Protein backbone atom coordinates (compact mmCIF):
# COMPACT_ATOMS: atom_id res chain seq x y z
CA MET A 1 121.63 99.88 78.04
CA LEU A 2 123.82 97.07 78.35
CA ALA A 3 121.37 95.46 81.43
CA TYR A 4 118.85 95.13 78.71
CA VAL A 5 120.96 93.17 76.39
CA VAL A 6 122.18 90.67 79.12
CA LEU A 7 118.50 90.17 80.21
CA PHE A 8 117.48 89.56 76.35
CA GLY A 9 119.99 86.85 76.43
CA ILE A 10 118.66 85.26 79.72
CA VAL A 11 115.32 85.30 78.34
CA MET A 12 116.43 83.35 75.11
CA VAL A 13 118.85 81.19 77.07
CA LEU A 14 115.69 79.71 79.09
CA MET A 15 113.42 79.72 76.17
CA GLY A 16 115.68 77.47 73.89
CA CYS A 17 115.69 74.99 77.05
CA GLY A 18 112.19 74.90 77.61
CA LEU A 19 111.82 74.19 73.69
CA LEU A 20 114.11 71.36 74.41
CA VAL A 21 112.11 70.00 77.17
CA ILE A 22 108.91 69.94 75.16
CA MET A 23 110.35 68.52 72.17
CA SER A 24 111.99 65.41 74.33
CA MET A 25 108.45 64.77 76.14
CA LYS A 26 106.71 64.95 73.05
CA LYS A 27 109.42 62.28 71.95
CA GLU A 28 108.47 60.19 75.03
CA GLU A 29 104.84 60.08 74.44
CA GLU A 30 105.04 59.02 70.98
CA GLU A 31 107.06 56.29 71.45
CA TYR A 32 104.78 54.89 74.68
CA GLN A 33 101.69 55.10 72.44
CA VAL A 34 103.37 53.26 70.00
CA GLU A 35 104.45 50.90 72.81
CA GLN A 36 100.81 50.60 73.72
CA ARG A 37 99.16 49.48 70.28
CA GLN A 38 101.86 46.72 70.18
CA TYR A 39 99.78 44.71 73.33
CA TYR A 40 96.51 46.29 73.39
CA PRO A 41 93.89 45.79 71.07
CA PRO A 42 91.54 48.86 69.14
CA GLU A 43 88.98 49.42 70.30
CA SER A 44 86.74 47.64 67.81
CA THR A 45 87.79 44.56 68.99
CA LEU A 46 86.47 44.87 72.36
CA VAL A 47 83.13 43.17 73.67
CA ALA A 48 81.65 43.88 76.77
CA GLY A 49 83.03 42.84 80.16
CA GLY A 50 86.26 43.93 78.12
CA ALA A 51 86.88 40.50 76.74
CA PHE A 52 88.79 40.38 73.39
CA GLN A 53 86.61 39.39 70.51
CA GLN A 54 88.86 37.42 67.97
CA GLN A 55 88.46 37.62 64.05
CA GLN A 56 86.18 34.68 62.58
CA GLN A 57 87.41 32.41 60.36
CA ARG A 58 85.56 33.47 56.67
CA TYR A 59 83.51 30.79 55.15
CA SER A 60 82.03 30.39 51.92
CA PRO A 61 78.23 30.71 51.85
CA GLN A 62 78.05 27.04 51.22
CA GLN A 63 80.06 26.64 54.42
CA ALA A 64 78.01 28.91 56.57
CA GLN A 65 74.76 27.35 55.88
CA ARG A 66 76.47 24.33 57.66
CA GLN A 67 77.92 26.18 60.73
CA PRO A 68 75.76 26.47 63.93
CA ARG A 69 75.51 29.94 65.35
CA GLN A 70 74.79 31.27 68.78
CA GLY A 71 74.27 34.76 69.34
CA PRO A 72 74.37 37.44 66.82
CA ALA A 73 77.50 36.14 65.05
CA SER A 74 79.00 32.76 63.25
CA ARG A 75 80.58 30.56 66.21
CA GLY A 76 81.06 27.22 65.75
CA ASP A 77 81.76 24.63 68.38
CA SER A 78 85.44 25.80 69.08
CA PHE A 79 83.84 29.62 69.65
CA GLN A 80 81.37 28.38 72.37
CA GLY A 81 84.56 27.35 74.41
CA ARG A 82 85.89 30.95 73.65
CA LEU A 83 82.57 32.74 75.64
CA ASN A 84 83.18 33.95 79.44
CA SER A 85 80.76 31.42 81.60
CA ILE A 86 78.54 33.70 84.21
CA LYS A 87 78.76 32.30 87.53
CA GLY A 88 75.45 32.16 90.05
CA ASN A 89 72.61 34.36 89.67
CA PRO A 90 72.85 37.38 87.54
CA ILE A 91 69.52 39.01 87.86
CA THR A 92 69.33 41.44 90.35
CA PRO A 93 65.53 43.49 90.37
CA ASN A 94 67.39 46.46 89.75
CA SER A 95 66.68 48.14 85.83
CA GLY A 96 69.21 48.59 83.13
CA GLY A 97 72.14 46.66 81.48
CA VAL A 98 72.14 44.75 78.47
CA VAL A 99 69.71 45.04 76.00
CA PRO A 100 68.67 41.63 74.07
CA ALA A 101 69.15 41.41 70.33
CA ALA A 102 66.64 43.82 68.08
CA GLY A 103 63.32 42.43 67.76
CA THR A 104 62.87 39.75 70.10
CA GLY A 105 61.72 42.06 72.68
CA GLN A 106 62.69 41.91 76.87
CA LEU A 107 60.01 40.16 79.12
CA CYS A 108 61.32 42.18 82.21
CA PRO A 109 63.04 44.90 81.82
CA GLU A 110 63.16 45.96 85.24
CA LEU A 111 65.38 43.11 86.19
CA SER A 112 69.51 43.99 85.87
CA GLY A 113 71.63 41.16 84.50
CA ALA A 114 68.43 39.14 82.84
CA VAL A 115 70.04 39.48 79.28
CA VAL A 116 73.35 37.50 78.76
CA PRO A 117 76.43 40.25 77.51
CA ALA A 118 78.06 40.13 74.35
CA GLY A 119 81.02 37.30 74.95
CA ALA A 120 79.62 35.31 77.67
CA LYS A 121 76.94 32.46 78.19
CA PHE A 122 75.00 31.59 81.29
CA ALA A 123 74.11 27.72 82.24
CA LEU A 124 70.91 27.16 84.06
CA THR A 125 68.73 24.09 85.25
CA VAL A 126 64.87 24.38 83.82
CA PRO A 127 62.49 22.04 85.37
CA ILE A 128 61.05 19.74 82.79
CA LEU A 129 57.35 20.34 82.66
CA LEU A 130 55.82 17.25 80.59
CA HIS A 131 54.16 15.36 84.02
CA ARG A 132 50.40 14.30 83.68
CA ASN A 133 47.69 14.78 86.16
CA THR A 134 44.60 13.38 86.49
CA GLU A 135 43.11 15.77 88.86
CA GLU A 136 40.83 18.68 87.36
CA ASP A 137 42.57 20.71 90.36
CA TYR A 138 46.13 20.92 91.44
CA ALA A 139 49.02 23.20 91.80
CA ILE A 140 52.46 22.26 91.30
CA ASP A 141 56.00 24.03 92.59
CA ARG A 142 59.10 23.85 90.72
CA LYS A 143 62.70 25.98 91.05
CA VAL A 144 64.87 27.11 88.24
CA LEU A 145 68.47 27.05 89.30
CA ALA A 146 71.31 28.70 88.24
CA LYS A 147 74.13 25.71 87.21
CA ASP A 148 75.35 25.97 90.93
CA GLY A 149 72.61 25.30 92.92
CA THR A 150 71.66 28.82 93.23
CA SER A 151 67.80 29.72 93.54
CA MET A 152 66.75 31.96 90.96
CA PHE A 153 62.99 31.98 90.08
CA ASN A 154 60.31 29.71 91.16
CA LEU A 155 57.48 28.24 89.29
CA LYS A 156 53.97 27.30 90.08
CA ILE A 157 51.76 25.31 87.68
CA THR A 158 47.98 25.64 88.54
CA HIS A 159 44.67 24.11 86.79
CA SER A 160 41.49 24.26 87.28
CA LYS A 161 38.38 22.57 85.64
CA PRO A 162 38.32 24.41 82.03
CA LEU A 163 35.35 26.58 81.64
CA PRO A 164 34.03 27.93 78.09
CA GLY A 165 36.40 30.88 76.42
CA LYS A 166 38.89 30.96 80.18
CA PRO A 167 42.31 29.51 80.50
CA GLU A 168 42.87 25.61 80.98
CA GLU A 169 46.34 26.44 83.24
CA TYR A 170 48.34 28.87 84.36
CA ILE A 171 52.31 29.36 84.62
CA MET A 172 53.26 31.83 87.47
CA LEU A 173 57.12 32.83 87.63
CA SER A 174 58.56 34.99 90.55
CA ILE A 175 61.47 35.41 92.31
CA PRO A 176 62.42 34.03 95.39
CA GLU A 177 62.54 37.07 97.57
CA GLU A 178 59.36 38.30 96.48
CA ASP A 179 57.53 34.39 95.71
CA ARG A 180 53.75 35.86 95.80
CA ARG A 181 54.71 38.77 92.89
CA GLU A 182 53.57 37.28 89.83
CA LEU A 183 57.08 38.25 87.53
CA VAL A 184 55.26 36.73 84.40
CA LEU A 185 52.04 35.03 83.98
CA CYS A 186 51.60 32.45 81.03
CA ALA A 187 48.07 31.94 80.28
CA PHE A 188 47.20 28.65 78.39
CA GLY A 189 43.65 28.08 76.34
CA ARG A 190 41.99 28.09 73.51
CA PRO A 191 40.80 31.34 72.51
CA SER A 192 40.28 30.71 68.43
CA GLY A 193 39.85 27.27 68.84
CA GLU A 194 43.67 26.43 68.68
CA LEU A 195 45.55 26.46 72.02
CA GLU A 196 47.88 29.32 72.72
CA CYS A 197 50.10 30.65 75.58
CA HIS A 198 49.80 34.28 76.49
CA ILE A 199 52.36 35.77 78.32
CA TYR A 200 51.90 38.58 81.05
CA GLN A 201 54.16 40.91 82.46
CA LEU A 202 53.91 41.39 86.10
CA GLY A 203 50.24 39.27 86.02
CA LYS A 204 48.38 41.89 83.62
CA GLU A 205 50.09 43.70 80.89
CA PRO A 206 50.05 41.85 77.56
CA TRP A 207 53.18 40.95 76.39
CA GLY A 208 53.15 38.52 73.66
CA VAL A 209 51.76 34.89 72.64
CA ILE A 210 53.51 31.69 71.92
CA LYS A 211 51.41 29.76 68.97
CA ALA A 212 52.46 26.52 67.50
CA ASP A 213 53.10 26.77 63.92
CA PRO A 214 52.90 24.18 61.08
CA VAL A 215 55.43 22.63 61.15
CA GLU A 216 55.45 19.43 63.99
CA GLY A 217 57.12 20.33 67.13
CA SER A 218 58.17 24.33 66.05
CA TYR A 219 55.99 27.01 68.13
CA THR A 220 57.15 30.71 67.85
CA VAL A 221 56.29 33.47 70.61
CA TYR A 222 54.70 36.72 68.76
CA LEU A 223 55.32 40.46 70.39
CA ARG A 224 52.35 42.67 70.95
CA ASN A 225 53.09 44.13 67.29
CA SER A 226 52.32 41.18 65.85
CA LYS A 227 55.61 40.14 64.61
CA PRO A 228 57.97 36.77 65.57
CA ALA A 229 60.78 37.17 68.25
CA LEU A 230 61.50 33.79 69.27
CA THR A 231 61.18 30.03 67.20
CA ALA A 232 61.55 26.89 69.70
CA THR A 233 61.90 23.61 68.19
CA VAL A 234 61.70 20.38 69.94
CA THR A 235 63.42 17.53 68.93
CA GLY A 236 64.05 13.75 70.56
CA THR A 237 62.05 12.15 73.46
CA ASP A 238 62.38 11.62 77.19
CA ALA A 239 66.33 11.72 78.02
CA SER A 240 67.26 12.75 74.29
CA ARG A 241 64.34 15.79 74.25
CA ARG A 242 66.30 18.95 73.09
CA VAL A 243 64.50 22.67 72.53
CA ARG A 244 66.62 24.91 70.83
CA ILE A 245 65.65 28.74 70.53
CA VAL A 246 66.67 30.80 67.54
CA GLN A 247 65.53 34.05 66.22
CA SER A 248 62.72 34.36 64.27
CA GLN A 249 64.03 36.89 61.79
CA SER A 250 67.84 34.89 61.74
CA PRO A 251 66.72 31.19 62.06
CA ASP A 252 70.42 30.21 62.20
CA THR A 253 71.48 32.23 64.82
CA ASP A 254 70.73 30.10 68.38
CA VAL A 255 69.40 32.17 71.40
CA ALA A 256 69.54 28.78 73.64
CA ILE A 257 69.67 25.03 74.07
CA ALA A 258 68.08 23.02 76.53
CA SER A 259 68.82 19.29 76.49
CA ALA A 260 67.00 16.99 78.67
CA LYS A 261 68.91 15.63 81.74
CA PHE A 262 67.66 12.50 84.06
CA ASP A 263 70.35 11.83 86.91
CA GLY A 264 67.97 10.10 89.56
CA ALA A 265 66.81 13.37 91.10
CA GLU A 266 63.37 13.71 92.36
CA TYR A 267 62.50 15.35 88.98
CA SER A 268 63.74 15.74 86.13
CA SER A 269 65.04 18.53 84.14
CA TYR A 270 67.10 20.52 81.13
CA GLU A 271 70.46 21.86 81.30
CA VAL A 272 70.19 25.01 79.38
CA GLU A 273 72.41 27.06 77.89
CA CYS A 274 72.05 30.53 77.17
CA TYR A 275 74.15 32.85 74.28
CA PRO A 276 75.17 36.32 73.82
CA LEU A 277 71.86 38.59 73.85
CA CYS A 278 69.30 35.63 75.15
CA ASP A 279 66.61 37.52 77.64
CA ILE A 280 67.17 34.63 80.07
CA ILE A 281 63.42 35.24 81.59
CA LEU A 282 62.18 34.78 78.16
CA ALA A 283 64.02 31.60 77.22
CA ILE A 284 62.95 30.06 80.33
CA ILE A 285 59.09 31.19 79.70
CA MET A 286 59.77 29.24 75.97
CA ILE A 287 61.26 26.45 77.40
CA THR A 288 58.18 25.68 79.94
CA GLY A 289 55.30 27.20 77.73
CA VAL A 290 56.27 24.90 74.96
CA ASP A 291 56.42 21.76 77.39
CA ARG A 292 53.27 22.30 78.50
CA MET A 293 51.97 23.23 74.74
CA SER A 294 53.38 19.71 74.00
CA LEU A 295 51.38 17.93 76.61
CA MET A 296 48.27 20.02 76.46
CA ALA A 297 47.63 19.57 72.85
CA HIS A 298 46.89 15.79 73.00
CA ARG A 299 44.23 16.05 75.72
């Protein structure tokens, strides 16, 4: 009987010690969690890539109308400096990744990195295509480069003597590794009397069409469902030429801005900055397509 009493006492002592250990560990865990919350922002303030998105200053409705916007949220000039710049060529022949802003469509979903992630921006160089040609048949090759000079895409502009009901000119976009494969094909013509640019995925699948708006210097790309996606506005001429691309449904939200650059190079070009959720390939097609439509409209 005495042995059972001793055994029971030992068990109680062990249970008491275990309880003290558990309470001590729980207290340490609570102190650790408090400490972590002091250094790390809540998950709702994190954006793609782990960058911290600081809270935006609130403006009155009158002030908000005067504030330029890039990407899905309002951001003035000071915000542009806080966007993370993407280096080199982010586009690879793998599907997946970030999707563009709702309602704007994605031209080449089979390519990864073609959409600028939230909290970032991407700079590139796009050739200005305002050249005039007197020949009835010609083919011109140009390149799209990342800001650091990395080759991103090849552009081929071809023209032939137009036939009734047939396109007057084509632009083909391809990646350097597969130059003969048409990633995007643009056909310029007047099927209904007005100049249009029809966009095809992989050179054959209808994707959308760029049309001139009633307002001078304004162009909109419409998706296959006839809904407007992006609108480009051209201002200035020569060295001051500027193409601003916005979401058609949210005209205060900048998607990309192209500014003419004349630095003595063999070919003039635009310095383009793409903002969060911008489809880089669609921005290239909008810029080059608008250039050709601007020129061809006066033929």
